[in-house]
């Protein structure tokens, strides 16, 4: 169970790092999209980070 908790925590922190990078240069983290903007970065990586932090809280 400790491994799952650690994996969720690492993934959440990594998504926050990608969120910060994407706020500076969105094309770096959204390279597969035709149109990269900061709102898409916030929606994708912000929601992933929020969900993982909530999941970490409840596990």
N, C-alpha and C. Protein backbone atom coordinates (compact mmCIF):
# COMPACT_ATOMS: atom_id res chain seq x y z
N UNK A 1 0.81 -1.19 0.00
CA UNK A 1 0.00 0.00 0.00
C UNK A 1 0.86 1.26 0.00
N UNK A 2 2.02 1.15 0.62
CA UNK A 2 2.94 2.30 0.65
C UNK A 2 3.40 2.64 -0.75
N UNK A 3 3.65 1.62 -1.58
CA UNK A 3 4.09 1.85 -2.95
C UNK A 3 3.04 2.59 -3.76
N UNK A 4 1.78 2.23 -3.61
CA UNK A 4 0.69 2.89 -4.33
C UNK A 4 0.59 4.35 -3.89
N UNK A 5 0.68 4.59 -2.60
CA UNK A 5 0.63 5.95 -2.07
C UNK A 5 1.80 6.78 -2.61
N UNK A 6 2.97 6.20 -2.65
CA UNK A 6 4.16 6.89 -3.16
C UNK A 6 4.05 7.14 -4.66
N UNK A 7 3.50 6.21 -5.39
CA UNK A 7 3.33 6.37 -6.83
C UNK A 7 2.32 7.47 -7.15
N UNK A 8 1.23 7.53 -6.41
CA UNK A 8 0.23 8.58 -6.60
C UNK A 8 0.83 9.95 -6.26
N UNK A 9 1.59 10.00 -5.18
CA UNK A 9 2.22 11.25 -4.78
C UNK A 9 3.23 11.72 -5.82
N UNK A 10 4.04 10.83 -6.34
CA UNK A 10 5.03 11.17 -7.35
C UNK A 10 4.34 11.66 -8.63
N UNK A 11 3.29 10.97 -9.05
CA UNK A 11 2.57 11.37 -10.26
C UNK A 11 1.90 12.72 -10.08
N UNK A 12 1.35 12.99 -8.91
CA UNK A 12 0.72 14.29 -8.65
C UNK A 12 1.75 15.41 -8.68
N UNK A 13 2.88 15.20 -8.08
CA UNK A 13 3.93 16.23 -8.09
C UNK A 13 4.46 16.44 -9.50
N UNK A 14 4.60 15.36 -10.27
CA UNK A 14 5.06 15.46 -11.64
C UNK A 14 4.06 16.23 -12.50
N UNK A 15 2.77 16.03 -12.27
CA UNK A 15 1.77 16.77 -13.04
C UNK A 15 1.76 18.25 -12.66
N UNK A 16 2.06 18.58 -11.42
CA UNK A 16 2.18 19.98 -11.02
C UNK A 16 3.38 20.62 -11.70
N UNK A 17 4.48 19.89 -11.80
CA UNK A 17 5.66 20.39 -12.50
C UNK A 17 5.34 20.62 -13.97
N UNK A 18 4.64 19.68 -14.60
CA UNK A 18 4.26 19.85 -15.99
C UNK A 18 3.27 21.01 -16.15
N UNK A 19 2.41 21.23 -15.16
CA UNK A 19 1.50 22.36 -15.19
C UNK A 19 2.27 23.67 -15.18
N UNK A 20 3.27 23.78 -14.33
CA UNK A 20 4.06 25.00 -14.27
C UNK A 20 4.86 25.23 -15.55
N UNK A 21 5.41 24.16 -16.10
CA UNK A 21 6.12 24.28 -17.37
C UNK A 21 5.16 24.69 -18.48
N UNK A 22 3.97 24.11 -18.48
CA UNK A 22 2.98 24.42 -19.50
C UNK A 22 2.43 25.81 -19.40
N UNK A 23 2.41 26.39 -18.22
CA UNK A 23 1.98 27.78 -18.10
C UNK A 23 3.00 28.73 -18.71
N UNK A 24 4.25 28.32 -18.72
CA UNK A 24 5.30 29.15 -19.34
C UNK A 24 5.36 28.93 -20.85
N UNK A 25 5.42 27.65 -21.27
CA UNK A 25 5.45 27.30 -22.69
C UNK A 25 4.51 26.13 -22.95
N UNK A 26 3.29 26.40 -23.36
CA UNK A 26 2.29 25.33 -23.51
C UNK A 26 2.65 24.29 -24.56
N UNK A 27 3.38 24.66 -25.60
CA UNK A 27 3.70 23.70 -26.66
C UNK A 27 4.63 22.59 -26.19
N UNK A 28 5.33 22.80 -25.08
CA UNK A 28 6.24 21.77 -24.57
C UNK A 28 5.46 20.58 -24.01
N UNK A 29 4.36 20.84 -23.33
CA UNK A 29 3.60 19.77 -22.69
C UNK A 29 2.37 19.34 -23.47
N UNK A 30 1.98 20.11 -24.46
CA UNK A 30 0.83 19.75 -25.30
C UNK A 30 1.29 19.61 -26.75
N UNK A 31 2.34 18.89 -26.99
CA UNK A 31 2.92 18.78 -28.33
C UNK A 31 2.02 18.03 -29.30
N UNK A 32 1.09 17.21 -28.83
CA UNK A 32 0.23 16.43 -29.72
C UNK A 32 -1.01 17.19 -30.17
N UNK A 33 -1.32 18.30 -29.55
CA UNK A 33 -2.49 19.09 -29.90
C UNK A 33 -2.18 20.02 -31.08
N UNK A 34 -3.20 20.33 -31.86
CA UNK A 34 -3.02 21.28 -32.96
C UNK A 34 -2.94 22.71 -32.43
N UNK A 35 -3.68 22.97 -31.39
CA UNK A 35 -3.70 24.31 -30.79
C UNK A 35 -3.34 24.17 -29.32
N UNK A 36 -2.21 24.74 -28.95
CA UNK A 36 -1.77 24.67 -27.56
C UNK A 36 -1.99 26.03 -26.90
N UNK A 37 -2.71 26.04 -25.80
CA UNK A 37 -2.87 27.26 -25.03
C UNK A 37 -2.86 26.93 -23.54
N UNK A 38 -2.77 27.96 -22.74
CA UNK A 38 -2.62 27.78 -21.30
C UNK A 38 -3.88 27.22 -20.65
N UNK A 39 -5.04 27.52 -21.22
CA UNK A 39 -6.28 27.00 -20.65
C UNK A 39 -6.34 25.48 -20.77
N UNK A 40 -5.88 24.93 -21.87
CA UNK A 40 -5.84 23.47 -22.02
C UNK A 40 -4.86 22.85 -21.05
N UNK A 41 -3.74 23.53 -20.80
CA UNK A 41 -2.75 23.03 -19.84
C UNK A 41 -3.37 22.99 -18.45
N UNK A 42 -4.07 24.04 -18.08
CA UNK A 42 -4.71 24.09 -16.76
C UNK A 42 -5.77 23.01 -16.63
N UNK A 43 -6.57 22.84 -17.69
CA UNK A 43 -7.62 21.83 -17.64
C UNK A 43 -7.04 20.43 -17.51
N UNK A 44 -6.04 20.11 -18.30
CA UNK A 44 -5.50 18.75 -18.31
C UNK A 44 -4.66 18.46 -17.07
N UNK A 45 -3.58 19.20 -16.90
CA UNK A 45 -2.65 18.89 -15.81
C UNK A 45 -3.16 19.36 -14.45
N UNK A 46 -3.96 20.41 -14.43
CA UNK A 46 -4.55 20.85 -13.17
C UNK A 46 -5.56 19.85 -12.63
N UNK A 47 -6.38 19.32 -13.53
CA UNK A 47 -7.37 18.33 -13.08
C UNK A 47 -6.69 17.03 -12.67
N UNK A 48 -5.65 16.62 -13.39
CA UNK A 48 -4.93 15.41 -13.00
C UNK A 48 -4.30 15.59 -11.63
N UNK A 49 -3.66 16.73 -11.41
CA UNK A 49 -3.02 16.98 -10.12
C UNK A 49 -4.05 17.03 -8.99
N UNK A 50 -5.16 17.71 -9.22
CA UNK A 50 -6.19 17.82 -8.18
C UNK A 50 -6.78 16.45 -7.85
N UNK A 51 -7.09 15.67 -8.88
CA UNK A 51 -7.65 14.34 -8.63
C UNK A 51 -6.67 13.43 -7.90
N UNK A 52 -5.41 13.49 -8.27
CA UNK A 52 -4.43 12.64 -7.61
C UNK A 52 -4.18 13.06 -6.17
N UNK A 53 -4.17 14.37 -5.91
CA UNK A 53 -4.01 14.81 -4.52
C UNK A 53 -5.23 14.42 -3.68
N UNK A 54 -6.43 14.48 -4.25
CA UNK A 54 -7.61 14.02 -3.53
C UNK A 54 -7.57 12.51 -3.31
N UNK A 55 -7.14 11.78 -4.31
CA UNK A 55 -7.03 10.33 -4.18
C UNK A 55 -6.00 9.96 -3.12
N UNK A 56 -4.91 10.71 -3.08
CA UNK A 56 -3.89 10.47 -2.06
C UNK A 56 -4.44 10.74 -0.66
N UNK A 57 -5.29 11.71 -0.54
CA UNK A 57 -5.87 12.05 0.76
C UNK A 57 -6.78 10.94 1.28
N UNK A 58 -7.52 10.28 0.35
CA UNK A 58 -8.48 9.28 0.76
C UNK A 58 -7.91 7.88 0.87
N UNK A 59 -6.71 7.66 0.38
CA UNK A 59 -6.11 6.31 0.49
C UNK A 59 -5.33 6.19 1.77
